Every structure is written in C-alpha cells, then in structure tokens.
C-alpha cells in the first residue's frame, strides 16, 4: 500500500531520482523553460518551488549565505544558484507561490508519453501579454469592379 507516500518515484532509485531532479532544476533555472514528460514536470515542480521560495525575504547577508548553501546542497551547480538568487529571486519577490507553469503539448511519437513544457511563470513574454491593446483591423466597403464595368459594357454594345 502507498499510504502517505506523496511523491512520484518515477521508476528510479533514490540517488538517480535526486540527481535527475537536480539536473532538471538547474536546466529550468538557467533556460527558464524545458520540455519533459508530465510526470517528471510534476515531480520537478514539487522539487524546485521550495528552492525558489528560499530566495525571498532575506534581510541580512548571513541569511542569504545560509540560504545559498542550502540551495547549493540540492542543486550542486554554482551558476544555477547564482542565477536563482540574482535574476529569478528578484523577479518572483512579489509572488506568493506558483512559480512554475506546466503546459501540456501532446504525446511523444516514440512511446506515446505525455509531453509538456515546464516554465517559470514570470519569464514567458507571450503569457504576460503586451501593454497596449491590439488594434482593430479596418475593412473598407466599396463597390466591386465588376459592378462598375457592367454598365459600361452594355453602353458600348448599343
């Protein structure tokens, strides 16, 4: 029975799963959007959102260094930790959670696995929308050329 087992094991050993999620989290932080299966994306969301939360509300330098050490223990990548605390942390400072978005794209051809994008919410320009509204297209209604030419042709025939 699976009582109180809240995360997906993804058919892997614990060491393999931790390494895979750490690598995927680093890729998500660096590239802001990755393509993966839905099961892995849901597991990654549970893994990366608490790490993003650790970047917020750090008042002193000691708190920031401590949080960076904790996040580094999960990610094992200095570039990803630096990116997380500089760019991503500032951008999500006003958000109360829900830092990632999963967009399903269909099934993979080889094995029919459900594939999706997982992305950081504040970095998708298409979803954020533009500041000015789209202009309406104007259409002009005028007489067609065929109706204007028809009486002229009749006058010549007479």
N, C-alpha and C. Protein backbone atom coordinates (compact mmCIF):
# COMPACT_ATOMS: atom_id res chain seq x y z
N UNK A 1 0.83 -1.19 0.00
CA UNK A 1 0.00 0.00 0.00
C UNK A 1 0.88 1.25 0.00
N UNK A 2 0.34 2.35 -0.53
CA UNK A 2 1.10 3.58 -0.69
C UNK A 2 0.70 4.64 0.33
N UNK A 3 0.33 4.31 1.50
CA UNK A 3 -0.13 5.31 2.46
C UNK A 3 0.96 6.33 2.74
N UNK A 4 0.59 7.62 2.68
CA UNK A 4 1.46 8.75 2.99
C UNK A 4 2.74 8.82 2.15
N UNK A 5 2.70 8.30 0.94
CA UNK A 5 3.83 8.42 0.03
C UNK A 5 3.42 9.47 -1.00
N UNK A 6 3.93 10.68 -0.82
CA UNK A 6 3.39 11.82 -1.55
C UNK A 6 4.09 12.14 -2.85
N UNK A 7 5.27 11.59 -3.11
CA UNK A 7 5.95 11.95 -4.34
C UNK A 7 6.10 10.75 -5.25
N UNK A 8 6.24 11.03 -6.52
CA UNK A 8 6.36 10.00 -7.55
C UNK A 8 7.80 9.51 -7.59
N UNK A 9 7.99 8.22 -7.54
CA UNK A 9 9.34 7.66 -7.55
C UNK A 9 9.91 7.60 -8.97
N UNK A 10 9.09 7.75 -9.97
CA UNK A 10 9.49 7.83 -11.36
C UNK A 10 10.24 6.60 -11.85
N UNK A 11 10.07 5.48 -11.20
CA UNK A 11 10.70 4.24 -11.63
C UNK A 11 12.21 4.25 -11.50
N UNK A 12 12.75 5.00 -10.55
CA UNK A 12 14.19 5.15 -10.39
C UNK A 12 14.58 4.94 -8.95
N UNK A 13 15.86 4.66 -8.72
CA UNK A 13 16.36 4.60 -7.35
C UNK A 13 16.41 6.01 -6.79
N UNK A 14 16.54 6.14 -5.50
CA UNK A 14 16.50 7.47 -4.88
C UNK A 14 17.68 8.33 -5.34
N UNK A 15 18.87 7.76 -5.48
CA UNK A 15 20.03 8.54 -5.92
C UNK A 15 19.85 9.02 -7.35
N UNK A 16 19.34 8.14 -8.21
CA UNK A 16 19.12 8.51 -9.61
C UNK A 16 18.05 9.59 -9.70
N UNK A 17 16.99 9.45 -8.92
CA UNK A 17 15.90 10.43 -8.93
C UNK A 17 16.37 11.79 -8.45
N UNK A 18 17.15 11.82 -7.37
CA UNK A 18 17.66 13.09 -6.84
C UNK A 18 18.58 13.77 -7.84
N UNK A 19 19.46 13.00 -8.49
CA UNK A 19 20.36 13.57 -9.48
C UNK A 19 19.59 14.11 -10.69
N UNK A 20 18.59 13.35 -11.14
CA UNK A 20 17.80 13.77 -12.29
C UNK A 20 17.03 15.05 -11.98
N UNK A 21 16.40 15.12 -10.81
CA UNK A 21 15.64 16.32 -10.45
C UNK A 21 16.55 17.52 -10.26
N UNK A 22 17.76 17.31 -9.72
CA UNK A 22 18.71 18.42 -9.56
C UNK A 22 19.14 18.93 -10.93
N UNK A 23 19.42 18.04 -11.87
CA UNK A 23 19.81 18.45 -13.21
C UNK A 23 18.67 19.18 -13.92
N UNK A 24 17.46 18.66 -13.77
CA UNK A 24 16.31 19.32 -14.41
C UNK A 24 16.05 20.68 -13.79
N UNK A 25 16.22 20.80 -12.48
CA UNK A 25 16.01 22.09 -11.81
C UNK A 25 17.05 23.11 -12.28
N UNK A 26 18.30 22.68 -12.43
CA UNK A 26 19.34 23.58 -12.94
C UNK A 26 19.01 24.04 -14.35
N UNK A 27 18.56 23.12 -15.19
CA UNK A 27 18.19 23.48 -16.56
C UNK A 27 17.01 24.44 -16.58
N UNK A 28 16.03 24.21 -15.73
CA UNK A 28 14.87 25.10 -15.66
C UNK A 28 15.29 26.50 -15.22
N UNK A 29 16.16 26.59 -14.24
CA UNK A 29 16.60 27.90 -13.75
C UNK A 29 17.42 28.62 -14.80
N UNK A 30 18.28 27.91 -15.49
CA UNK A 30 19.16 28.54 -16.48
C UNK A 30 18.41 28.92 -17.76
N UNK A 31 17.53 28.05 -18.24
CA UNK A 31 16.86 28.27 -19.52
C UNK A 31 15.45 28.81 -19.40
N UNK A 32 14.87 28.79 -18.21
CA UNK A 32 13.54 29.32 -17.89
C UNK A 32 12.39 28.49 -18.46
N UNK A 33 12.69 27.50 -19.33
CA UNK A 33 11.64 26.66 -19.92
C UNK A 33 12.29 25.40 -20.46
N UNK A 34 11.73 24.24 -20.10
CA UNK A 34 12.26 22.98 -20.62
C UNK A 34 11.11 22.08 -21.06
N UNK A 35 11.43 21.11 -21.88
CA UNK A 35 10.45 20.13 -22.36
C UNK A 35 10.71 18.82 -21.66
N UNK A 36 9.68 18.22 -21.10
CA UNK A 36 9.81 16.95 -20.39
C UNK A 36 8.46 16.25 -20.35
N UNK A 37 8.40 15.11 -19.70
CA UNK A 37 7.12 14.41 -19.56
C UNK A 37 6.32 15.04 -18.42
N UNK A 38 5.04 14.80 -18.41
CA UNK A 38 4.17 15.40 -17.41
C UNK A 38 4.52 14.89 -16.01
N UNK A 39 4.81 13.58 -15.87
CA UNK A 39 5.14 13.03 -14.56
C UNK A 39 6.41 13.66 -13.99
N UNK A 40 7.43 13.82 -14.85
CA UNK A 40 8.67 14.44 -14.40
C UNK A 40 8.46 15.92 -14.09
N UNK A 41 7.62 16.58 -14.86
CA UNK A 41 7.34 18.01 -14.62
C UNK A 41 6.65 18.21 -13.28
N UNK A 42 5.71 17.34 -12.94
CA UNK A 42 5.03 17.47 -11.66
C UNK A 42 5.97 17.20 -10.50
N UNK A 43 6.88 16.22 -10.67
CA UNK A 43 7.87 15.96 -9.63
C UNK A 43 8.86 17.12 -9.51
N UNK A 44 9.23 17.70 -10.65
CA UNK A 44 10.16 18.83 -10.66
C UNK A 44 9.53 20.05 -10.00
N UNK A 45 8.24 20.25 -10.22
CA UNK A 45 7.56 21.39 -9.60
C UNK A 45 7.62 21.29 -8.08
N UNK A 46 7.41 20.09 -7.54
CA UNK A 46 7.49 19.90 -6.09
C UNK A 46 8.92 20.09 -5.58
N UNK A 47 9.90 19.87 -6.43
CA UNK A 47 11.31 19.96 -6.05
C UNK A 47 11.81 21.40 -6.10
N UNK A 48 11.42 22.15 -7.14
CA UNK A 48 12.03 23.45 -7.39
C UNK A 48 11.31 24.61 -6.70
N UNK A 49 10.02 24.50 -6.47
CA UNK A 49 9.29 25.63 -5.87
C UNK A 49 9.76 25.97 -4.45
N UNK A 50 10.03 24.99 -3.59
CA UNK A 50 10.59 25.36 -2.28
C UNK A 50 11.97 26.01 -2.38
N UNK A 51 12.75 25.64 -3.40
CA UNK A 51 14.06 26.26 -3.58
C UNK A 51 13.91 27.72 -3.99
N UNK A 52 12.93 28.01 -4.84
CA UNK A 52 12.69 29.39 -5.25
C UNK A 52 12.18 30.20 -4.07
N UNK A 53 11.38 29.60 -3.21
CA UNK A 53 10.87 30.30 -2.04
C UNK A 53 12.00 30.70 -1.09
N UNK A 54 13.06 29.90 -1.05
CA UNK A 54 14.19 30.21 -0.17
C UNK A 54 14.93 31.47 -0.60
N UNK A 55 14.72 31.95 -1.82
CA UNK A 55 15.41 33.15 -2.29
C UNK A 55 14.72 34.43 -1.84
N UNK A 56 13.56 34.32 -1.24
CA UNK A 56 12.77 35.50 -0.89
C UNK A 56 12.94 35.89 0.58
N UNK A 57 12.70 37.15 0.86
CA UNK A 57 12.66 37.70 2.22
C UNK A 57 13.96 37.45 2.99
N UNK A 58 15.08 37.75 2.36
CA UNK A 58 16.37 37.60 3.02
C UNK A 58 16.87 39.00 3.38
N UNK A 59 16.82 39.33 4.67
CA UNK A 59 17.13 40.69 5.08
C UNK A 59 18.63 40.90 5.32
N UNK A 60 19.33 39.92 5.84
CA UNK A 60 20.75 40.10 6.13
C UNK A 60 21.61 39.26 5.19
N UNK A 61 22.90 39.59 5.17
CA UNK A 61 23.84 38.86 4.33
C UNK A 61 24.00 37.43 4.84
N UNK A 62 23.96 37.25 6.16
CA UNK A 62 24.10 35.91 6.73
C UNK A 62 22.93 35.01 6.32
N UNK A 63 21.72 35.57 6.31
CA UNK A 63 20.56 34.79 5.87
C UNK A 63 20.70 34.38 4.41
N UNK A 64 21.20 35.30 3.59
CA UNK A 64 21.35 34.99 2.17
C UNK A 64 22.41 33.91 1.95
N UNK A 65 23.54 34.01 2.64
CA UNK A 65 24.58 32.99 2.50
C UNK A 65 24.10 31.63 2.98
N UNK A 66 23.36 31.64 4.07
CA UNK A 66 22.82 30.37 4.57
C UNK A 66 21.85 29.75 3.57
N UNK A 67 20.97 30.57 3.01
CA UNK A 67 20.01 30.08 2.03
C UNK A 67 20.72 29.58 0.77
N UNK A 68 21.80 30.26 0.37
CA UNK A 68 22.55 29.82 -0.81
C UNK A 68 23.21 28.47 -0.56
N UNK A 69 23.71 28.25 0.64
CA UNK A 69 24.32 26.96 0.96
C UNK A 69 23.28 25.85 0.95
N UNK A 70 22.10 26.14 1.46
CA UNK A 70 21.03 25.13 1.46
C UNK A 70 20.62 24.79 0.02
N UNK A 71 20.44 25.80 -0.81
CA UNK A 71 20.04 25.57 -2.19
C UNK A 71 21.16 24.85 -2.95
N UNK A 72 22.42 25.19 -2.67
CA UNK A 72 23.54 24.52 -3.34
C UNK A 72 23.58 23.04 -2.97
N UNK A 73 23.17 22.70 -1.76
CA UNK A 73 23.17 21.30 -1.36
C UNK A 73 22.18 20.49 -2.20
N UNK A 74 21.15 21.14 -2.73
CA UNK A 74 20.19 20.47 -3.60
C UNK A 74 20.66 20.46 -5.06
N UNK A 75 21.16 21.60 -5.55
CA UNK A 75 21.42 21.75 -6.98
C UNK A 75 22.84 21.35 -7.40
N UNK A 76 23.84 21.58 -6.55
CA UNK A 76 25.23 21.26 -6.86
C UNK A 76 25.72 21.96 -8.12
N UNK A 77 25.28 23.20 -8.35
CA UNK A 77 25.69 23.96 -9.53
C UNK A 77 25.76 25.43 -9.15
N UNK A 78 26.99 25.98 -9.13
CA UNK A 78 27.17 27.37 -8.72
C UNK A 78 26.47 28.35 -9.65
N UNK A 79 26.52 28.11 -10.95
CA UNK A 79 25.90 29.03 -11.91
C UNK A 79 24.39 29.08 -11.71
N UNK A 80 23.78 27.93 -11.48
CA UNK A 80 22.33 27.90 -11.28
C UNK A 80 21.94 28.60 -9.98
N UNK A 81 22.74 28.41 -8.92
CA UNK A 81 22.43 29.07 -7.64
C UNK A 81 22.56 30.58 -7.79
N UNK A 82 23.60 31.03 -8.50
CA UNK A 82 23.79 32.47 -8.69
C UNK A 82 22.63 33.06 -9.50
N UNK A 83 22.23 32.37 -10.57
CA UNK A 83 21.11 32.82 -11.39
C UNK A 83 19.82 32.86 -10.57
N UNK A 84 19.62 31.86 -9.73
CA UNK A 84 18.42 31.78 -8.91
C UNK A 84 18.33 32.95 -7.94
N UNK A 85 19.44 33.28 -7.29
CA UNK A 85 19.41 34.33 -6.27
C UNK A 85 19.48 35.73 -6.86
N UNK A 86 20.00 35.90 -8.08
CA UNK A 86 20.08 37.24 -8.64
C UNK A 86 18.86 37.56 -9.49
N UNK A 87 18.66 36.84 -10.58
CA UNK A 87 17.57 37.16 -11.50
C UNK A 87 16.22 36.64 -11.05
N UNK A 88 16.14 35.35 -10.82
CA UNK A 88 14.84 34.73 -10.53
C UNK A 88 14.29 35.22 -9.19
N UNK A 89 15.14 35.34 -8.18
CA UNK A 89 14.70 35.78 -6.87
C UNK A 89 14.10 37.17 -6.88
N UNK A 90 14.71 38.07 -7.66
CA UNK A 90 14.18 39.43 -7.74
C UNK A 90 12.85 39.46 -8.48
N UNK A 91 12.73 38.62 -9.50
CA UNK A 91 11.53 38.65 -10.33
C UNK A 91 10.32 38.06 -9.60
N UNK A 92 10.53 37.09 -8.72
CA UNK A 92 9.41 36.43 -8.04
C UNK A 92 9.20 36.96 -6.62
N UNK A 93 9.85 38.05 -6.27
CA UNK A 93 9.78 38.56 -4.90
C UNK A 93 8.36 38.91 -4.48
N UNK A 94 7.53 39.38 -5.39
CA UNK A 94 6.16 39.79 -5.05
C UNK A 94 5.15 38.65 -5.18
N UNK A 95 5.57 37.52 -5.71
CA UNK A 95 4.65 36.39 -5.95
C UNK A 95 4.57 35.52 -4.70
N UNK A 96 3.39 35.03 -4.39
CA UNK A 96 3.18 34.23 -3.17
C UNK A 96 3.28 32.74 -3.39
N UNK A 97 3.78 32.32 -4.49
CA UNK A 97 3.87 30.89 -4.80
C UNK A 97 3.44 30.66 -6.22
N UNK A 98 3.50 29.43 -6.67
CA UNK A 98 3.11 29.12 -8.03
C UNK A 98 4.09 29.70 -9.02
N UNK A 99 5.37 29.40 -8.85
CA UNK A 99 6.41 29.99 -9.68
C UNK A 99 6.56 29.28 -11.02
N UNK A 100 5.98 28.10 -11.16
CA UNK A 100 6.13 27.34 -12.40
C UNK A 100 4.78 27.09 -13.04
N UNK A 101 4.82 26.84 -14.35
CA UNK A 101 3.60 26.57 -15.11
C UNK A 101 3.87 25.34 -15.98
N UNK A 102 2.91 24.44 -16.05
CA UNK A 102 3.03 23.25 -16.89
C UNK A 102 2.04 23.39 -18.04
N UNK A 103 2.56 23.33 -19.28
CA UNK A 103 1.74 23.44 -20.48
C UNK A 103 1.84 22.13 -21.26
N UNK A 104 0.77 21.38 -21.30
CA UNK A 104 0.80 20.09 -21.99
C UNK A 104 0.80 20.31 -23.50
N UNK A 105 1.64 19.52 -24.20
CA UNK A 105 1.78 19.69 -25.64
C UNK A 105 1.34 18.49 -26.45
N UNK A 106 1.00 17.38 -25.83
CA UNK A 106 0.56 16.22 -26.57
C UNK A 106 1.36 15.00 -26.20
N UNK A 107 1.40 14.02 -27.09
CA UNK A 107 2.08 12.77 -26.83
C UNK A 107 3.34 12.65 -27.68
N UNK A 108 4.36 12.02 -27.13
CA UNK A 108 5.61 11.79 -27.83
C UNK A 108 5.40 10.67 -28.85
N UNK A 109 6.08 10.75 -29.97
CA UNK A 109 5.86 9.81 -31.05
C UNK A 109 6.36 8.40 -30.69
N UNK A 110 7.54 8.31 -30.08
CA UNK A 110 8.15 7.01 -29.85
C UNK A 110 7.40 6.12 -28.88
N UNK A 111 7.01 6.66 -27.73
CA UNK A 111 6.38 5.83 -26.71
C UNK A 111 5.04 6.36 -26.22
N UNK A 112 4.52 7.37 -26.86
CA UNK A 112 3.22 7.96 -26.53
C UNK A 112 3.15 8.51 -25.11
N UNK A 113 4.30 8.93 -24.57
CA UNK A 113 4.30 9.57 -23.25
C UNK A 113 3.77 10.99 -23.38
N UNK A 114 3.03 11.45 -22.37
CA UNK A 114 2.52 12.82 -22.38
C UNK A 114 3.69 13.77 -22.18
N UNK A 115 3.85 14.71 -23.10
CA UNK A 115 4.95 15.66 -23.07
C UNK A 115 4.41 17.04 -22.76
N UNK A 116 5.23 17.86 -22.08
CA UNK A 116 4.79 19.20 -21.71
C UNK A 116 5.99 20.13 -21.61
N UNK A 117 5.69 21.42 -21.55
CA UNK A 117 6.66 22.43 -21.20
C UNK A 117 6.48 22.71 -19.72
N UNK A 118 7.58 22.89 -19.00
CA UNK A 118 7.50 23.45 -17.66
C UNK A 118 8.34 24.72 -17.71
N UNK A 119 7.77 25.82 -17.23
CA UNK A 119 8.45 27.10 -17.35
C UNK A 119 8.25 27.93 -16.10
N UNK A 120 9.13 28.89 -15.91
CA UNK A 120 8.97 29.85 -14.83
C UNK A 120 7.95 30.88 -15.28
N UNK A 121 6.98 31.17 -14.43
CA UNK A 121 5.81 31.96 -14.80
C UNK A 121 6.18 33.37 -15.24
N UNK A 122 7.07 34.03 -14.55
CA UNK A 122 7.36 35.44 -14.83
C UNK A 122 8.25 35.65 -16.03
N UNK A 123 8.64 34.60 -16.73
CA UNK A 123 9.57 34.75 -17.84
C UNK A 123 8.94 34.49 -19.20
N UNK A 124 7.67 34.14 -19.28
CA UNK A 124 7.05 33.88 -20.56
C UNK A 124 6.41 35.17 -21.07
N UNK A 125 7.02 35.77 -22.07
CA UNK A 125 6.54 37.05 -22.61
C UNK A 125 5.19 36.90 -23.28
N UNK A 126 4.94 35.75 -23.90
CA UNK A 126 3.66 35.56 -24.59
C UNK A 126 2.50 35.52 -23.62
N UNK A 127 2.68 34.87 -22.47
CA UNK A 127 1.60 34.78 -21.49
C UNK A 127 1.40 36.11 -20.75
N UNK A 128 2.48 36.86 -20.56
CA UNK A 128 2.36 38.13 -19.85
C UNK A 128 1.58 39.14 -20.65
N UNK A 129 1.65 39.07 -21.97
CA UNK A 129 0.89 39.96 -22.83
C UNK A 129 1.58 41.29 -23.01
N UNK A 130 1.16 42.02 -24.00
CA UNK A 130 1.75 43.33 -24.24
C UNK A 130 0.95 44.39 -23.50
N UNK A 131 1.57 45.56 -23.31
CA UNK A 131 0.92 46.61 -22.52
C UNK A 131 -0.16 47.33 -23.31
N UNK A 132 0.00 47.47 -24.64
CA UNK A 132 -1.02 48.18 -25.41
C UNK A 132 -1.96 47.18 -26.07
N UNK A 133 -3.23 47.51 -26.17
CA UNK A 133 -4.18 46.58 -26.77
C UNK A 133 -3.96 46.48 -28.28
N UNK A 134 -4.36 45.37 -28.82
CA UNK A 134 -4.21 45.15 -30.27
C UNK A 134 -5.18 46.06 -31.02
N UNK A 135 -4.69 46.59 -32.15
CA UNK A 135 -5.53 47.47 -32.95
C UNK A 135 -6.55 46.65 -33.74
N UNK A 136 -7.72 47.24 -33.93
CA UNK A 136 -8.73 46.57 -34.74
C UNK A 136 -8.37 46.76 -36.21
N UNK A 137 -8.63 45.72 -36.98
CA UNK A 137 -8.42 45.84 -38.42
C UNK A 137 -9.64 46.54 -39.01
N UNK A 138 -9.36 47.49 -39.88
CA UNK A 138 -10.46 48.19 -40.54
C UNK A 138 -10.69 47.58 -41.91
N UNK A 139 -11.92 47.47 -42.24
CA UNK A 139 -12.26 46.99 -43.58
C UNK A 139 -13.03 48.09 -44.29
N UNK A 140 -12.77 48.24 -45.56
CA UNK A 140 -13.48 49.24 -46.35
C UNK A 140 -14.48 48.53 -47.24
N UNK A 141 -15.60 49.11 -47.31
CA UNK A 141 -16.62 48.55 -48.18
C UNK A 141 -16.77 49.48 -49.38
N UNK A 142 -16.45 48.96 -50.50
CA UNK A 142 -16.61 49.76 -51.71
C UNK A 142 -17.22 48.89 -52.79
N UNK A 143 -17.64 49.51 -53.83
CA UNK A 143 -18.25 48.76 -54.93
C UNK A 143 -17.18 47.91 -55.58
N UNK A 144 -17.57 46.76 -55.97
CA UNK A 144 -16.60 45.91 -56.65
C UNK A 144 -16.43 46.38 -58.08
N UNK A 145 -15.32 46.02 -58.69
CA UNK A 145 -15.02 46.48 -60.05
C UNK A 145 -15.98 45.87 -61.07
N UNK A 146 -16.45 44.69 -60.80
CA UNK A 146 -17.35 44.03 -61.74
C UNK A 146 -18.65 44.79 -61.90
N UNK A 147 -19.19 45.36 -60.84
CA UNK A 147 -20.47 46.07 -60.94
C UNK A 147 -20.29 47.39 -61.67
N UNK A 148 -19.10 48.00 -61.57
CA UNK A 148 -18.87 49.27 -62.26
C UNK A 148 -18.65 49.05 -63.75
N UNK A 149 -18.02 47.95 -64.13
CA UNK A 149 -17.71 47.69 -65.53
C UNK A 149 -18.94 47.20 -66.31
N UNK A 150 -19.87 46.60 -65.67
CA UNK A 150 -21.02 46.02 -66.36
C UNK A 150 -21.83 47.08 -67.12
N UNK A 151 -22.21 48.24 -66.58
CA UNK A 151 -22.99 49.22 -67.36
C UNK A 151 -22.19 49.79 -68.51
N UNK A 152 -20.90 49.93 -68.37
CA UNK A 152 -20.08 50.47 -69.44
C UNK A 152 -20.09 49.52 -70.64
N UNK A 153 -19.99 48.23 -70.36
CA UNK A 153 -20.01 47.25 -71.43
C UNK A 153 -21.34 47.24 -72.18
N UNK A 154 -22.44 47.45 -71.48
CA UNK A 154 -23.75 47.48 -72.10
C UNK A 154 -23.91 48.71 -72.98
N UNK A 155 -23.33 49.82 -72.55
CA UNK A 155 -23.44 51.06 -73.34
C UNK A 155 -22.67 50.92 -74.65
N UNK A 156 -21.55 50.27 -74.67
CA UNK A 156 -20.77 50.08 -75.89
C UNK A 156 -21.50 49.16 -76.87
N UNK A 157 -22.25 48.18 -76.33
CA UNK A 157 -22.93 47.24 -77.21
C UNK A 157 -24.06 47.90 -77.97
N UNK A 158 -24.62 48.96 -77.49
CA UNK A 158 -25.76 49.61 -78.15
C UNK A 158 -25.34 50.45 -79.24
